[in-house]
Structures are given as C-alpha cells and as structure tokens.
Amino acid sequence: MGTLYDEDVVAWAEQQVALLRARRWDLLDVEHIADEIEDTNISHRHQLAHRMTKLLGHLLKWRYQPTRRGASWVCTIRNQRDRICKLLQRMPSLRRLLSSDEWLAEVWEDALEIAVHEAHLELADLPAALPWSVEQVLSPDYLPDAT
C-alpha cells in the first residue's frame, strides 16, 4: 500500500501546505517536500532553456531564410522574449544561466537542431557558436540581418 504522495500528489501537496501553515513540523513529509522543490527548480531551468532554444531557432531561421520571413516568426520571437523576460522577473536567479558558457552552448546546440530540422538548413552553413550576445538575443528590437 502506497503513501498519499504515491497515490495522489495533489492531495499530498494540499496536506503538506496545511501542515506547514499549522506549524506541524513533526508530521511533514520532508523528503518528498525536498524532492518537489528540487523538481520545481529543475522545471524552471528547463522552461528557460526551452524558450531560449525556440527564440534562437527562430532567429536562425530569420537570419538564414530571409525570403521566408513573416509575421508568425516575428510573433514567435516577440512572444519568447516576453516569456523569458517574465520568467526572469519572477525568478531572477535564473539569470545566472544566461552567463554560463556551458548552458548557452547546450541551448545553442538545440537551436541548431531546430534550424536544421524545421527549416531544412544545412548545419555546415550555420555558426558553430552563438553569434549574438545575450543582450542582442533578448533585445525587443533586434533581428539579425541576412548577409
């Protein structure tokens, strides 16, 4: 027979919240609370990576497919920038990821995959490393020009 956590995590969470508010420290499921907080943290980092990947993928398509540019790409670029901005406002500690070379390299690699698979671009024609600064990428008015 499983615990409430195993049977219904929402009911378990409500129970834990009630116990916390009642200051019933002795009844708290500390291990699962720690796991849930850790999972939430990981989820927020993944959300930032996903949004940044999507934004970079669209900037690549914008840069390397000028004849296919359209309002939907602009909308996606603006939307991702807005969502990233809101995420960073709610969780400013995530901003440190934007200065991590390792994290940016992983996100860039995923963005390249998007450009190759969705836009049928050749990987050899794309920059191996992020060619724009984070400030440019997140700037509301920045769109890379085709050369």
Protein backbone atom coordinates (compact mmCIF):
# COMPACT_ATOMS: atom_id res chain seq x y z
CA MET A 1 0.00 0.00 0.00
CA GLY A 2 1.44 3.36 -1.07
CA THR A 3 1.51 6.66 0.73
CA LEU A 4 -0.70 9.61 -0.11
CA TYR A 5 2.26 11.02 -2.05
CA ASP A 6 2.29 7.88 -4.22
CA GLU A 7 -1.49 7.78 -4.63
CA ASP A 8 -2.34 11.46 -5.21
CA VAL A 9 0.43 14.05 -5.23
CA VAL A 10 -2.04 16.96 -5.39
CA ALA A 11 -3.86 15.78 -2.26
CA TRP A 12 -0.47 15.19 -0.64
CA ALA A 13 0.65 18.75 -1.51
CA GLU A 14 -2.54 20.22 -0.04
CA GLN A 15 -1.97 18.18 3.12
CA GLN A 16 1.64 19.36 3.38
CA VAL A 17 0.60 23.01 2.92
CA ALA A 18 -1.97 22.63 5.71
CA LEU A 19 0.65 21.04 7.97
CA LEU A 20 3.13 23.82 7.22
CA ARG A 21 0.58 26.53 7.98
CA ALA A 22 -0.39 24.75 11.19
CA ARG A 23 3.31 24.53 12.07
CA ARG A 24 3.04 20.76 12.45
CA TRP A 25 6.72 20.19 11.67
CA ASP A 26 6.70 16.67 13.10
CA LEU A 27 4.15 15.46 10.53
CA LEU A 28 5.78 16.90 7.41
CA ASP A 29 6.99 14.58 4.66
CA VAL A 30 10.37 16.32 4.46
CA GLU A 31 11.99 14.02 1.87
CA HIS A 32 9.17 14.37 -0.63
CA ILE A 33 8.89 18.12 0.02
CA ALA A 34 12.60 18.45 -0.79
CA ASP A 35 12.14 16.35 -3.94
CA GLU A 36 9.23 18.50 -5.10
CA ILE A 37 11.12 21.75 -4.52
CA GLU A 38 14.11 20.36 -6.40
CA ASP A 39 11.87 19.22 -9.28
CA THR A 40 10.29 22.69 -9.44
CA ASN A 41 13.72 24.28 -9.68
CA ILE A 42 14.73 21.94 -12.48
CA SER A 43 11.44 22.61 -14.26
CA HIS A 44 12.03 26.37 -14.24
CA ARG A 45 15.54 25.93 -15.66
CA HIS A 46 14.14 23.67 -18.39
CA GLN A 47 11.47 26.25 -19.17
CA LEU A 48 14.11 28.95 -19.65
CA ALA A 49 16.21 26.63 -21.83
CA HIS A 50 13.17 25.66 -23.92
CA ARG A 51 12.14 29.28 -24.51
CA MET A 52 15.70 30.37 -25.29
CA THR A 53 16.12 27.46 -27.71
CA LYS A 54 12.91 28.35 -29.51
CA LEU A 55 13.92 32.01 -29.68
CA LEU A 56 17.39 31.22 -31.04
CA GLY A 57 15.97 28.74 -33.54
CA HIS A 58 13.67 31.44 -34.91
CA LEU A 59 16.48 33.99 -35.01
CA LEU A 60 18.50 31.50 -37.04
CA LYS A 61 15.61 30.96 -39.43
CA TRP A 62 15.16 34.74 -39.67
CA ARG A 63 18.85 35.23 -40.43
CA TYR A 64 19.29 32.37 -42.91
CA GLN A 65 15.91 32.32 -44.65
CA PRO A 66 15.14 35.97 -45.43
CA THR A 67 12.68 35.08 -48.19
CA ARG A 68 10.51 33.13 -45.74
CA ARG A 69 10.25 35.83 -43.09
CA GLY A 70 6.76 36.55 -41.94
CA ALA A 71 4.54 37.85 -39.20
CA SER A 72 4.35 34.47 -37.47
CA TRP A 73 8.15 34.39 -36.99
CA VAL A 74 8.10 37.93 -35.58
CA CYS A 75 5.26 36.91 -33.28
CA THR A 76 7.14 33.84 -32.03
CA ILE A 77 10.33 35.85 -31.47
CA ARG A 78 8.47 38.56 -29.54
CA ASN A 79 6.47 36.01 -27.57
CA GLN A 80 9.55 34.07 -26.48
CA ARG A 81 11.38 37.25 -25.50
CA ASP A 82 8.38 38.36 -23.46
CA ARG A 83 8.05 35.00 -21.74
CA ILE A 84 11.78 34.88 -20.97
CA CYS A 85 11.62 38.40 -19.55
CA LYS A 86 8.65 37.49 -17.34
CA LEU A 87 10.34 34.30 -16.20
CA LEU A 88 13.50 36.21 -15.25
CA GLN A 89 11.45 38.83 -13.41
CA ARG A 90 9.72 36.15 -11.34
CA MET A 91 12.92 34.16 -10.81
CA PRO A 92 15.93 36.48 -11.11
CA SER A 93 18.35 33.76 -10.01
CA LEU A 94 17.80 32.05 -13.37
CA ARG A 95 19.63 34.98 -14.99
CA ARG A 96 22.94 33.37 -13.99
CA LEU A 97 22.31 30.70 -16.62
CA LEU A 98 22.47 33.37 -19.32
CA SER A 99 26.13 33.95 -18.46
CA SER A 100 27.04 30.27 -18.35
CA ASP A 101 29.05 29.31 -21.42
CA GLU A 102 28.19 25.65 -20.90
CA TRP A 103 24.44 26.31 -20.63
CA LEU A 104 24.45 28.64 -23.64
CA ALA A 105 26.37 26.05 -25.69
CA GLU A 106 23.74 23.40 -24.89
CA VAL A 107 20.91 25.77 -25.78
CA TRP A 108 22.68 26.79 -28.99
CA GLU A 109 23.12 23.15 -29.98
CA ASP A 110 19.38 22.59 -29.53
CA ALA A 111 18.61 25.74 -31.54
CA LEU A 112 20.80 24.46 -34.37
CA GLU A 113 18.78 21.24 -34.40
CA ILE A 114 15.59 23.26 -34.74
CA ALA A 115 17.03 25.23 -37.66
CA VAL A 116 18.27 22.10 -39.40
CA HIS A 117 15.11 20.02 -38.90
CA GLU A 118 12.36 22.64 -39.12
CA ALA A 119 13.88 24.95 -41.72
CA HIS A 120 15.95 22.36 -43.59
CA LEU A 121 19.09 24.42 -43.20
CA GLU A 122 22.50 22.80 -43.53
CA LEU A 123 24.40 22.50 -40.26
CA ALA A 124 27.66 23.29 -42.08
CA ASP A 125 26.20 26.67 -43.13
CA LEU A 126 25.35 27.69 -39.57
CA PRO A 127 27.68 29.17 -36.94
CA ALA A 128 29.12 26.60 -34.53
CA ALA A 129 28.77 29.03 -31.63
CA LEU A 130 26.18 31.63 -30.71
CA PRO A 131 26.98 34.64 -32.92
CA TRP A 132 24.90 37.15 -30.95
CA SER A 133 25.24 38.45 -27.45
CA VAL A 134 22.57 37.52 -24.91
CA GLU A 135 21.67 41.21 -24.81
CA GLN A 136 21.01 41.18 -28.57
CA VAL A 137 19.03 37.96 -28.39
CA LEU A 138 16.76 39.35 -25.66
CA SER A 139 16.54 42.88 -27.06
CA PRO A 140 12.94 43.60 -28.15
CA ASP A 141 14.05 45.23 -31.41
CA TYR A 142 16.92 43.01 -32.50
CA LEU A 143 16.56 40.88 -35.61
CA PRO A 144 19.71 39.55 -37.33
CA ASP A 145 20.26 40.73 -40.87
CA ALA A 146 20.96 38.40 -43.73
CA THR A 147 24.31 38.92 -45.42
